[in-house]
Amino acid sequence: MGPGSTKLVEFSELVASFKAAEEQIENLSSLTIWTLSPDQIGSASESIWDVISALRVGIGETKIVSGSKALHHVLPELVLPIDREYTVGFFFHSTNLYQGDHAALLEMVPHFHRIAVECRSKIECRFGRGMNMNSSKVTDNAIVGLMKKEADAKPE
């Protein structure tokens, strides 16, 4: 969505990293953002981070953007595809993650869970329209729309 220029690793390296994380991914596959109980959010967030940090997607040191986008394709009902401009901007009012990727993810997942649970009926009624294929993508699209609307409303 943003003007990023992420360089990706070789495809074989990406595939190997997903194969290495297969068991961890399988353990997360039964979870959805809606079915997590408040007691599960912390451990689920840590498990999501464990997979993201193990995946080799982009060549940069930061893992949260490329890793969350890749993992979103495998666990679309659990993992929000994160980008700096919109998602990070929405949650932190900045595109920089001064606290680091790990801490940022642990902070974002509970908020994402709350949005998903509190807005479930509004999210579900949008499935199948345009790019709204699942709960995390509907939420992502809403965040992007809100951030663009706010940017358009700011005086230059």
N, C-alpha and C. Protein backbone atom coordinates (compact mmCIF):
# COMPACT_ATOMS: atom_id res chain seq x y z
N MET A 1 0.82 -1.18 0.00
CA MET A 1 0.00 0.00 0.00
C MET A 1 0.87 1.25 0.00
N GLY A 2 1.88 1.26 0.83
CA GLY A 2 2.72 2.43 0.92
C GLY A 2 3.80 2.43 -0.14
N PRO A 3 4.69 3.42 -0.07
CA PRO A 3 5.71 3.56 -1.09
C PRO A 3 6.94 2.70 -0.82
N GLY A 4 6.80 1.64 -0.08
CA GLY A 4 7.92 0.81 0.33
C GLY A 4 8.66 0.19 -0.84
N SER A 5 9.88 -0.18 -0.58
CA SER A 5 10.70 -0.83 -1.60
C SER A 5 11.38 -2.03 -0.96
N THR A 6 10.60 -2.88 -0.33
CA THR A 6 11.13 -4.03 0.37
C THR A 6 11.80 -4.98 -0.60
N LYS A 7 13.00 -5.36 -0.27
CA LYS A 7 13.72 -6.37 -1.05
C LYS A 7 13.45 -7.72 -0.40
N LEU A 8 13.09 -8.69 -1.23
CA LEU A 8 12.75 -10.00 -0.72
C LEU A 8 13.92 -10.97 -0.87
N VAL A 9 13.93 -11.98 -0.02
CA VAL A 9 14.93 -13.04 -0.12
C VAL A 9 14.60 -13.91 -1.32
N GLU A 10 15.51 -14.79 -1.66
CA GLU A 10 15.25 -15.75 -2.74
C GLU A 10 14.06 -16.62 -2.34
N PHE A 11 13.27 -17.01 -3.33
CA PHE A 11 12.06 -17.79 -3.08
C PHE A 11 12.37 -19.08 -2.33
N SER A 12 13.46 -19.75 -2.67
CA SER A 12 13.81 -21.00 -2.00
C SER A 12 14.07 -20.78 -0.51
N GLU A 13 14.65 -19.64 -0.16
CA GLU A 13 14.90 -19.31 1.25
C GLU A 13 13.58 -19.04 1.98
N LEU A 14 12.66 -18.36 1.31
CA LEU A 14 11.34 -18.11 1.88
C LEU A 14 10.62 -19.43 2.16
N VAL A 15 10.62 -20.31 1.17
CA VAL A 15 9.95 -21.61 1.32
C VAL A 15 10.58 -22.40 2.46
N ALA A 16 11.90 -22.41 2.52
CA ALA A 16 12.58 -23.15 3.59
C ALA A 16 12.21 -22.61 4.96
N SER A 17 12.07 -21.29 5.09
CA SER A 17 11.72 -20.72 6.39
C SER A 17 10.29 -21.08 6.78
N PHE A 18 9.38 -21.13 5.81
CA PHE A 18 8.02 -21.56 6.11
C PHE A 18 7.99 -23.04 6.51
N LYS A 19 8.77 -23.85 5.84
CA LYS A 19 8.83 -25.28 6.20
C LYS A 19 9.38 -25.45 7.61
N ALA A 20 10.39 -24.67 7.96
CA ALA A 20 10.98 -24.76 9.30
C ALA A 20 9.98 -24.33 10.37
N ALA A 21 9.06 -23.43 10.03
CA ALA A 21 8.07 -22.93 10.99
C ALA A 21 6.74 -23.68 10.90
N GLU A 22 6.71 -24.75 10.14
CA GLU A 22 5.45 -25.46 9.88
C GLU A 22 4.72 -25.89 11.15
N GLU A 23 5.43 -26.44 12.11
CA GLU A 23 4.78 -26.90 13.34
C GLU A 23 4.19 -25.72 14.13
N GLN A 24 4.95 -24.63 14.23
CA GLN A 24 4.44 -23.44 14.93
C GLN A 24 3.21 -22.88 14.23
N ILE A 25 3.23 -22.86 12.91
CA ILE A 25 2.09 -22.36 12.14
C ILE A 25 0.89 -23.27 12.35
N GLU A 26 1.13 -24.56 12.32
CA GLU A 26 0.05 -25.53 12.54
C GLU A 26 -0.58 -25.33 13.92
N ASN A 27 0.23 -25.04 14.92
CA ASN A 27 -0.30 -24.80 16.27
C ASN A 27 -1.19 -23.56 16.33
N LEU A 28 -0.95 -22.60 15.46
CA LEU A 28 -1.76 -21.38 15.42
C LEU A 28 -2.97 -21.50 14.50
N SER A 29 -2.99 -22.51 13.67
CA SER A 29 -4.00 -22.58 12.60
C SER A 29 -5.44 -22.72 13.08
N SER A 30 -5.64 -23.17 14.29
CA SER A 30 -7.01 -23.31 14.80
C SER A 30 -7.52 -22.03 15.46
N LEU A 31 -6.65 -21.03 15.58
CA LEU A 31 -7.03 -19.78 16.24
C LEU A 31 -7.53 -18.76 15.23
N THR A 32 -8.49 -17.96 15.67
CA THR A 32 -8.90 -16.79 14.90
C THR A 32 -8.86 -15.60 15.85
N ILE A 33 -8.80 -14.43 15.29
CA ILE A 33 -8.75 -13.23 16.14
C ILE A 33 -10.01 -13.13 16.98
N TRP A 34 -11.14 -13.64 16.46
CA TRP A 34 -12.41 -13.56 17.19
C TRP A 34 -12.52 -14.58 18.31
N THR A 35 -11.89 -15.73 18.14
CA THR A 35 -12.07 -16.80 19.13
C THR A 35 -11.04 -16.76 20.25
N LEU A 36 -10.07 -15.88 20.15
CA LEU A 36 -9.09 -15.76 21.24
C LEU A 36 -9.78 -15.22 22.49
N SER A 37 -9.52 -15.87 23.60
CA SER A 37 -10.01 -15.33 24.87
C SER A 37 -8.99 -14.31 25.35
N PRO A 38 -9.39 -13.43 26.25
CA PRO A 38 -8.41 -12.47 26.78
C PRO A 38 -7.18 -13.15 27.38
N ASP A 39 -7.36 -14.34 27.94
CA ASP A 39 -6.23 -15.07 28.52
C ASP A 39 -5.27 -15.61 27.46
N GLN A 40 -5.74 -15.76 26.23
CA GLN A 40 -4.92 -16.33 25.16
C GLN A 40 -4.16 -15.27 24.35
N ILE A 41 -4.55 -14.03 24.46
CA ILE A 41 -3.98 -13.00 23.59
C ILE A 41 -2.47 -12.89 23.74
N GLY A 42 -1.98 -12.87 24.96
CA GLY A 42 -0.54 -12.74 25.18
C GLY A 42 0.25 -13.89 24.59
N SER A 43 -0.17 -15.12 24.86
CA SER A 43 0.57 -16.27 24.34
C SER A 43 0.42 -16.38 22.82
N ALA A 44 -0.75 -16.05 22.30
CA ALA A 44 -0.94 -16.08 20.84
C ALA A 44 -0.06 -15.03 20.18
N SER A 45 0.01 -13.85 20.78
CA SER A 45 0.86 -12.78 20.23
C SER A 45 2.32 -13.21 20.21
N GLU A 46 2.78 -13.83 21.29
CA GLU A 46 4.16 -14.33 21.35
C GLU A 46 4.39 -15.40 20.29
N SER A 47 3.42 -16.29 20.12
CA SER A 47 3.56 -17.35 19.11
C SER A 47 3.60 -16.78 17.70
N ILE A 48 2.75 -15.79 17.45
CA ILE A 48 2.76 -15.12 16.14
C ILE A 48 4.13 -14.48 15.92
N TRP A 49 4.65 -13.81 16.95
CA TRP A 49 5.96 -13.19 16.82
C TRP A 49 7.05 -14.23 16.57
N ASP A 50 6.97 -15.36 17.27
CA ASP A 50 7.97 -16.41 17.07
C ASP A 50 8.04 -16.83 15.61
N VAL A 51 6.88 -16.96 14.98
CA VAL A 51 6.85 -17.35 13.57
C VAL A 51 7.38 -16.21 12.70
N ILE A 52 6.87 -15.01 12.91
CA ILE A 52 7.31 -13.86 12.11
C ILE A 52 8.83 -13.68 12.21
N SER A 53 9.36 -13.79 13.41
CA SER A 53 10.80 -13.57 13.59
C SER A 53 11.63 -14.69 12.97
N ALA A 54 11.04 -15.87 12.81
CA ALA A 54 11.76 -17.00 12.21
C ALA A 54 11.67 -16.99 10.68
N LEU A 55 10.63 -16.37 10.14
CA LEU A 55 10.48 -16.35 8.68
C LEU A 55 11.56 -15.48 8.05
N ARG A 56 12.00 -15.91 6.89
CA ARG A 56 12.94 -15.11 6.10
C ARG A 56 12.19 -14.66 4.85
N VAL A 57 11.72 -13.43 4.90
CA VAL A 57 10.92 -12.88 3.81
C VAL A 57 11.66 -11.72 3.16
N GLY A 58 11.95 -10.68 3.93
CA GLY A 58 12.67 -9.52 3.43
C GLY A 58 14.12 -9.57 3.87
N ILE A 59 14.97 -8.81 3.17
CA ILE A 59 16.39 -8.84 3.50
C ILE A 59 16.77 -7.85 4.60
N GLY A 60 15.86 -6.96 4.96
CA GLY A 60 16.14 -5.98 6.01
C GLY A 60 16.09 -6.60 7.39
N GLU A 61 16.54 -5.83 8.37
CA GLU A 61 16.53 -6.31 9.74
C GLU A 61 15.13 -6.33 10.34
N THR A 62 14.28 -5.42 9.92
CA THR A 62 12.92 -5.40 10.45
C THR A 62 12.14 -6.58 9.89
N LYS A 63 11.34 -7.19 10.73
CA LYS A 63 10.60 -8.39 10.33
C LYS A 63 9.10 -8.19 10.31
N ILE A 64 8.60 -7.20 11.04
CA ILE A 64 7.17 -7.11 11.29
C ILE A 64 6.35 -6.88 10.03
N VAL A 65 6.83 -6.08 9.10
CA VAL A 65 6.05 -5.77 7.90
C VAL A 65 6.04 -6.95 6.94
N SER A 66 7.21 -7.36 6.48
CA SER A 66 7.25 -8.46 5.51
C SER A 66 6.75 -9.77 6.13
N GLY A 67 7.11 -10.01 7.39
CA GLY A 67 6.68 -11.25 8.05
C GLY A 67 5.19 -11.32 8.28
N SER A 68 4.59 -10.22 8.72
CA SER A 68 3.14 -10.24 8.97
C SER A 68 2.36 -10.37 7.67
N LYS A 69 2.85 -9.73 6.60
CA LYS A 69 2.15 -9.84 5.32
C LYS A 69 2.23 -11.26 4.78
N ALA A 70 3.38 -11.89 4.91
CA ALA A 70 3.52 -13.28 4.45
C ALA A 70 2.68 -14.22 5.30
N LEU A 71 2.74 -14.06 6.62
CA LEU A 71 2.00 -14.94 7.52
C LEU A 71 0.50 -14.73 7.39
N HIS A 72 0.07 -13.53 7.05
CA HIS A 72 -1.35 -13.25 6.83
C HIS A 72 -1.93 -14.16 5.75
N HIS A 73 -1.15 -14.48 4.74
CA HIS A 73 -1.63 -15.36 3.66
C HIS A 73 -1.85 -16.79 4.15
N VAL A 74 -1.14 -17.18 5.18
CA VAL A 74 -1.25 -18.54 5.73
C VAL A 74 -2.26 -18.59 6.87
N LEU A 75 -2.32 -17.54 7.67
CA LEU A 75 -3.23 -17.46 8.82
C LEU A 75 -4.08 -16.19 8.71
N PRO A 76 -4.92 -16.11 7.67
CA PRO A 76 -5.64 -14.86 7.41
C PRO A 76 -6.67 -14.46 8.47
N GLU A 77 -7.16 -15.40 9.25
CA GLU A 77 -8.15 -15.08 10.28
C GLU A 77 -7.51 -14.71 11.61
N LEU A 78 -6.18 -14.70 11.63
CA LEU A 78 -5.47 -14.42 12.88
C LEU A 78 -4.48 -13.26 12.76
N VAL A 79 -3.79 -13.17 11.64
CA VAL A 79 -2.68 -12.22 11.50
C VAL A 79 -3.07 -11.05 10.60
N LEU A 80 -2.95 -9.86 11.14
CA LEU A 80 -3.19 -8.63 10.40
C LEU A 80 -1.97 -8.32 9.54
N PRO A 81 -2.16 -8.02 8.24
CA PRO A 81 -1.00 -7.63 7.42
C PRO A 81 -0.59 -6.20 7.79
N ILE A 82 0.59 -6.06 8.32
CA ILE A 82 1.04 -4.78 8.87
C ILE A 82 1.91 -4.04 7.86
N ASP A 83 1.63 -2.76 7.68
CA ASP A 83 2.52 -1.89 6.91
C ASP A 83 2.84 -0.67 7.77
N ARG A 84 3.92 -0.01 7.45
CA ARG A 84 4.35 1.13 8.26
C ARG A 84 3.43 2.32 8.12
N GLU A 85 3.08 2.65 6.89
CA GLU A 85 2.34 3.89 6.65
C GLU A 85 0.98 3.89 7.32
N TYR A 86 0.23 2.83 7.17
CA TYR A 86 -1.15 2.83 7.66
C TYR A 86 -1.31 2.10 9.00
N THR A 87 -0.91 0.84 9.07
CA THR A 87 -1.13 0.07 10.30
C THR A 87 -0.30 0.62 11.46
N VAL A 88 0.99 0.78 11.23
CA VAL A 88 1.85 1.32 12.28
C VAL A 88 1.43 2.75 12.60
N GLY A 89 1.12 3.52 11.58
CA GLY A 89 0.66 4.89 11.80
C GLY A 89 -0.62 4.95 12.62
N PHE A 90 -1.53 4.02 12.36
CA PHE A 90 -2.80 3.96 13.09
C PHE A 90 -2.57 3.64 14.56
N PHE A 91 -1.79 2.62 14.83
CA PHE A 91 -1.61 2.18 16.21
C PHE A 91 -0.64 3.05 17.02
N PHE A 92 0.36 3.67 16.35
CA PHE A 92 1.39 4.39 17.09
C PHE A 92 1.51 5.87 16.72
N HIS A 93 0.69 6.36 15.81
CA HIS A 93 0.73 7.76 15.37
C HIS A 93 2.11 8.15 14.86
N SER A 94 2.80 7.19 14.31
CA SER A 94 4.13 7.38 13.74
C SER A 94 4.41 6.17 12.86
N THR A 95 5.24 6.34 11.86
CA THR A 95 5.60 5.19 11.03
C THR A 95 6.86 4.50 11.54
N ASN A 96 7.42 5.01 12.61
CA ASN A 96 8.61 4.41 13.21
C ASN A 96 8.22 3.54 14.40
N LEU A 97 8.94 2.45 14.55
CA LEU A 97 8.71 1.55 15.68
C LEU A 97 9.89 1.67 16.63
N TYR A 98 9.86 2.70 17.45
CA TYR A 98 10.97 2.95 18.36
C TYR A 98 11.11 1.84 19.40
N GLN A 99 10.02 1.16 19.71
CA GLN A 99 10.06 0.10 20.70
C GLN A 99 10.53 -1.24 20.11
N GLY A 100 10.70 -1.31 18.81
CA GLY A 100 11.13 -2.54 18.15
C GLY A 100 9.94 -3.35 17.67
N ASP A 101 10.20 -4.23 16.72
CA ASP A 101 9.15 -5.03 16.09
C ASP A 101 8.40 -5.92 17.08
N HIS A 102 9.13 -6.60 17.93
CA HIS A 102 8.53 -7.55 18.86
C HIS A 102 7.55 -6.84 19.79
N ALA A 103 8.02 -5.80 20.45
CA ALA A 103 7.15 -5.05 21.38
C ALA A 103 5.97 -4.43 20.64
N ALA A 104 6.19 -3.95 19.43
CA ALA A 104 5.10 -3.35 18.65
C ALA A 104 4.02 -4.38 18.35
N LEU A 105 4.42 -5.57 17.93
CA LEU A 105 3.43 -6.61 17.63
C LEU A 105 2.64 -6.97 18.88
N LEU A 106 3.34 -7.12 20.01
CA LEU A 106 2.66 -7.47 21.25
C LEU A 106 1.68 -6.38 21.68
N GLU A 107 1.94 -5.16 21.28
CA GLU A 107 1.02 -4.07 21.60
C GLU A 107 -0.15 -4.01 20.61
N MET A 108 0.10 -4.33 19.35
CA MET A 108 -0.95 -4.23 18.33
C MET A 108 -1.98 -5.34 18.40
N VAL A 109 -1.56 -6.57 18.65
CA VAL A 109 -2.50 -7.70 18.61
C VAL A 109 -3.68 -7.52 19.56
N PRO A 110 -3.49 -7.13 20.82
CA PRO A 110 -4.67 -6.94 21.68
C PRO A 110 -5.64 -5.88 21.15
N HIS A 111 -5.10 -4.82 20.55
CA HIS A 111 -5.97 -3.78 19.98
C HIS A 111 -6.71 -4.31 18.75
N PHE A 112 -6.00 -5.06 17.93
CA PHE A 112 -6.62 -5.68 16.76
C PHE A 112 -7.73 -6.63 17.20
N HIS A 113 -7.47 -7.39 18.25
CA HIS A 113 -8.48 -8.31 18.80
C HIS A 113 -9.71 -7.53 19.24
N ARG A 114 -9.49 -6.46 19.96
CA ARG A 114 -10.62 -5.65 20.45
C ARG A 114 -11.44 -5.08 19.29
N ILE A 115 -10.77 -4.56 18.27
CA ILE A 115 -11.48 -4.04 17.09
C ILE A 115 -12.29 -5.15 16.45
N ALA A 116 -11.68 -6.31 16.25
CA ALA A 116 -12.36 -7.43 15.59
C ALA A 116 -13.58 -7.88 16.37
N VAL A 117 -13.44 -8.02 17.68
CA VAL A 117 -14.55 -8.50 18.51
C VAL A 117 -15.67 -7.46 18.57
N GLU A 118 -15.31 -6.21 18.83
CA GLU A 118 -16.33 -5.18 18.99
C GLU A 118 -17.02 -4.81 17.67
N CYS A 119 -16.34 -5.02 16.56
CA CYS A 119 -16.91 -4.63 15.25
C CYS A 119 -17.24 -5.85 14.39
N ARG A 120 -17.37 -7.02 15.01
CA ARG A 120 -17.54 -8.25 14.24
C ARG A 120 -18.68 -8.19 13.23
N SER A 121 -19.86 -7.74 13.63
CA SER A 121 -20.99 -7.73 12.70
C SER A 121 -20.73 -6.78 11.53
N LYS A 122 -20.08 -5.66 11.80
CA LYS A 122 -19.75 -4.71 10.72
C LYS A 122 -18.68 -5.28 9.80
N ILE A 123 -17.79 -6.07 10.36
CA ILE A 123 -16.73 -6.70 9.56
C ILE A 123 -17.31 -7.81 8.69
N GLU A 124 -18.09 -8.69 9.30
CA GLU A 124 -18.62 -9.84 8.57
C GLU A 124 -19.51 -9.45 7.40
N CYS A 125 -20.26 -8.38 7.52
CA CYS A 125 -21.15 -7.99 6.42
C CYS A 125 -20.38 -7.47 5.21
N ARG A 126 -19.09 -7.26 5.35
CA ARG A 126 -18.28 -6.78 4.22
C ARG A 126 -17.53 -7.89 3.51
N PHE A 127 -17.58 -9.10 4.02
CA PHE A 127 -16.89 -10.22 3.38
C PHE A 127 -17.37 -10.37 1.94
N GLY A 128 -16.43 -10.63 1.05
CA GLY A 128 -16.78 -10.88 -0.34
C GLY A 128 -16.92 -9.64 -1.19
N ARG A 129 -16.83 -8.47 -0.60
CA ARG A 129 -16.91 -7.22 -1.36
C ARG A 129 -15.48 -6.73 -1.63
N GLY A 130 -15.13 -6.61 -2.87
CA GLY A 130 -13.80 -6.14 -3.22
C GLY A 130 -12.72 -7.03 -2.65
N MET A 131 -11.79 -6.44 -1.93
CA MET A 131 -10.67 -7.18 -1.34
C MET A 131 -10.96 -7.62 0.10
N ASN A 132 -12.20 -7.57 0.51
CA ASN A 132 -12.58 -7.93 1.88
C ASN A 132 -12.84 -9.43 1.98
N MET A 133 -11.78 -10.19 2.14
CA MET A 133 -11.88 -11.64 2.13
C MET A 133 -11.97 -12.28 3.51
N ASN A 134 -11.53 -11.59 4.54
CA ASN A 134 -11.51 -12.16 5.89
C ASN A 134 -11.44 -11.03 6.91
N SER A 135 -11.53 -11.39 8.18
CA SER A 135 -11.61 -10.38 9.24
C SER A 135 -10.40 -9.45 9.26
N SER A 136 -9.21 -10.01 9.11
CA SER A 136 -8.03 -9.16 9.20
C SER A 136 -7.90 -8.24 7.99
N LYS A 137 -8.31 -8.70 6.82
CA LYS A 137 -8.23 -7.85 5.63
C LYS A 137 -9.29 -6.74 5.69
N VAL A 138 -10.49 -7.05 6.19
CA VAL A 138 -11.50 -6.00 6.35
C VAL A 138 -10.99 -4.95 7.33
N THR A 139 -10.40 -5.39 8.43
CA THR A 139 -9.86 -4.46 9.42
C THR A 139 -8.73 -3.64 8.82
N ASP A 140 -7.84 -4.29 8.08
CA ASP A 140 -6.75 -3.60 7.41
C ASP A 140 -7.29 -2.55 6.44
N ASN A 141 -8.28 -2.91 5.64
CA ASN A 141 -8.86 -1.96 4.69
C ASN A 141 -9.51 -0.78 5.41
N ALA A 142 -10.15 -1.05 6.55
CA ALA A 142 -10.76 0.03 7.33
C ALA A 142 -9.69 0.98 7.87
N ILE A 143 -8.59 0.41 8.36
CA ILE A 143 -7.49 1.23 8.87
C ILE A 143 -6.91 2.10 7.75
N VAL A 144 -6.67 1.49 6.59
CA VAL A 144 -6.14 2.25 5.45
C VAL A 144 -7.09 3.38 5.08
N GLY A 145 -8.39 3.06 4.99
CA GLY A 145 -9.38 4.08 4.64
C GLY A 145 -9.41 5.23 5.63
N LEU A 146 -9.38 4.89 6.91
CA LEU A 146 -9.39 5.92 7.96
C LEU A 146 -8.15 6.79 7.88
N MET A 147 -6.99 6.16 7.72
CA MET A 147 -5.75 6.93 7.67
C MET A 147 -5.70 7.83 6.44
N LYS A 148 -6.21 7.35 5.31
CA LYS A 148 -6.25 8.19 4.10
C LYS A 148 -7.22 9.35 4.29
N LYS A 149 -8.36 9.07 4.91
CA LYS A 149 -9.35 10.12 5.15
C LYS A 149 -8.76 11.20 6.06
N GLU A 150 -8.08 10.77 7.12
CA GLU A 150 -7.47 11.74 8.03
C GLU A 150 -6.37 12.54 7.33
N ALA A 151 -5.59 11.88 6.48
CA ALA A 151 -4.54 12.59 5.75
C ALA A 151 -5.14 13.62 4.79
N ASP A 152 -6.23 13.26 4.14
CA ASP A 152 -6.90 14.18 3.21
C ASP A 152 -7.50 15.38 3.94
N ALA A 153 -7.89 15.18 5.19
CA ALA A 153 -8.54 16.24 5.97
C ALA A 153 -7.54 17.23 6.56
N LYS A 154 -6.26 16.86 6.61
CA LYS A 154 -5.25 17.74 7.20
C LYS A 154 -4.96 18.90 6.25
N PRO A 155 -4.91 20.11 6.79
CA PRO A 155 -4.56 21.25 5.94
C PRO A 155 -3.09 21.17 5.54
N GLU A 156 -2.80 21.62 4.34
CA GLU A 156 -1.41 21.54 3.86
C GLU A 156 -0.62 22.74 4.21
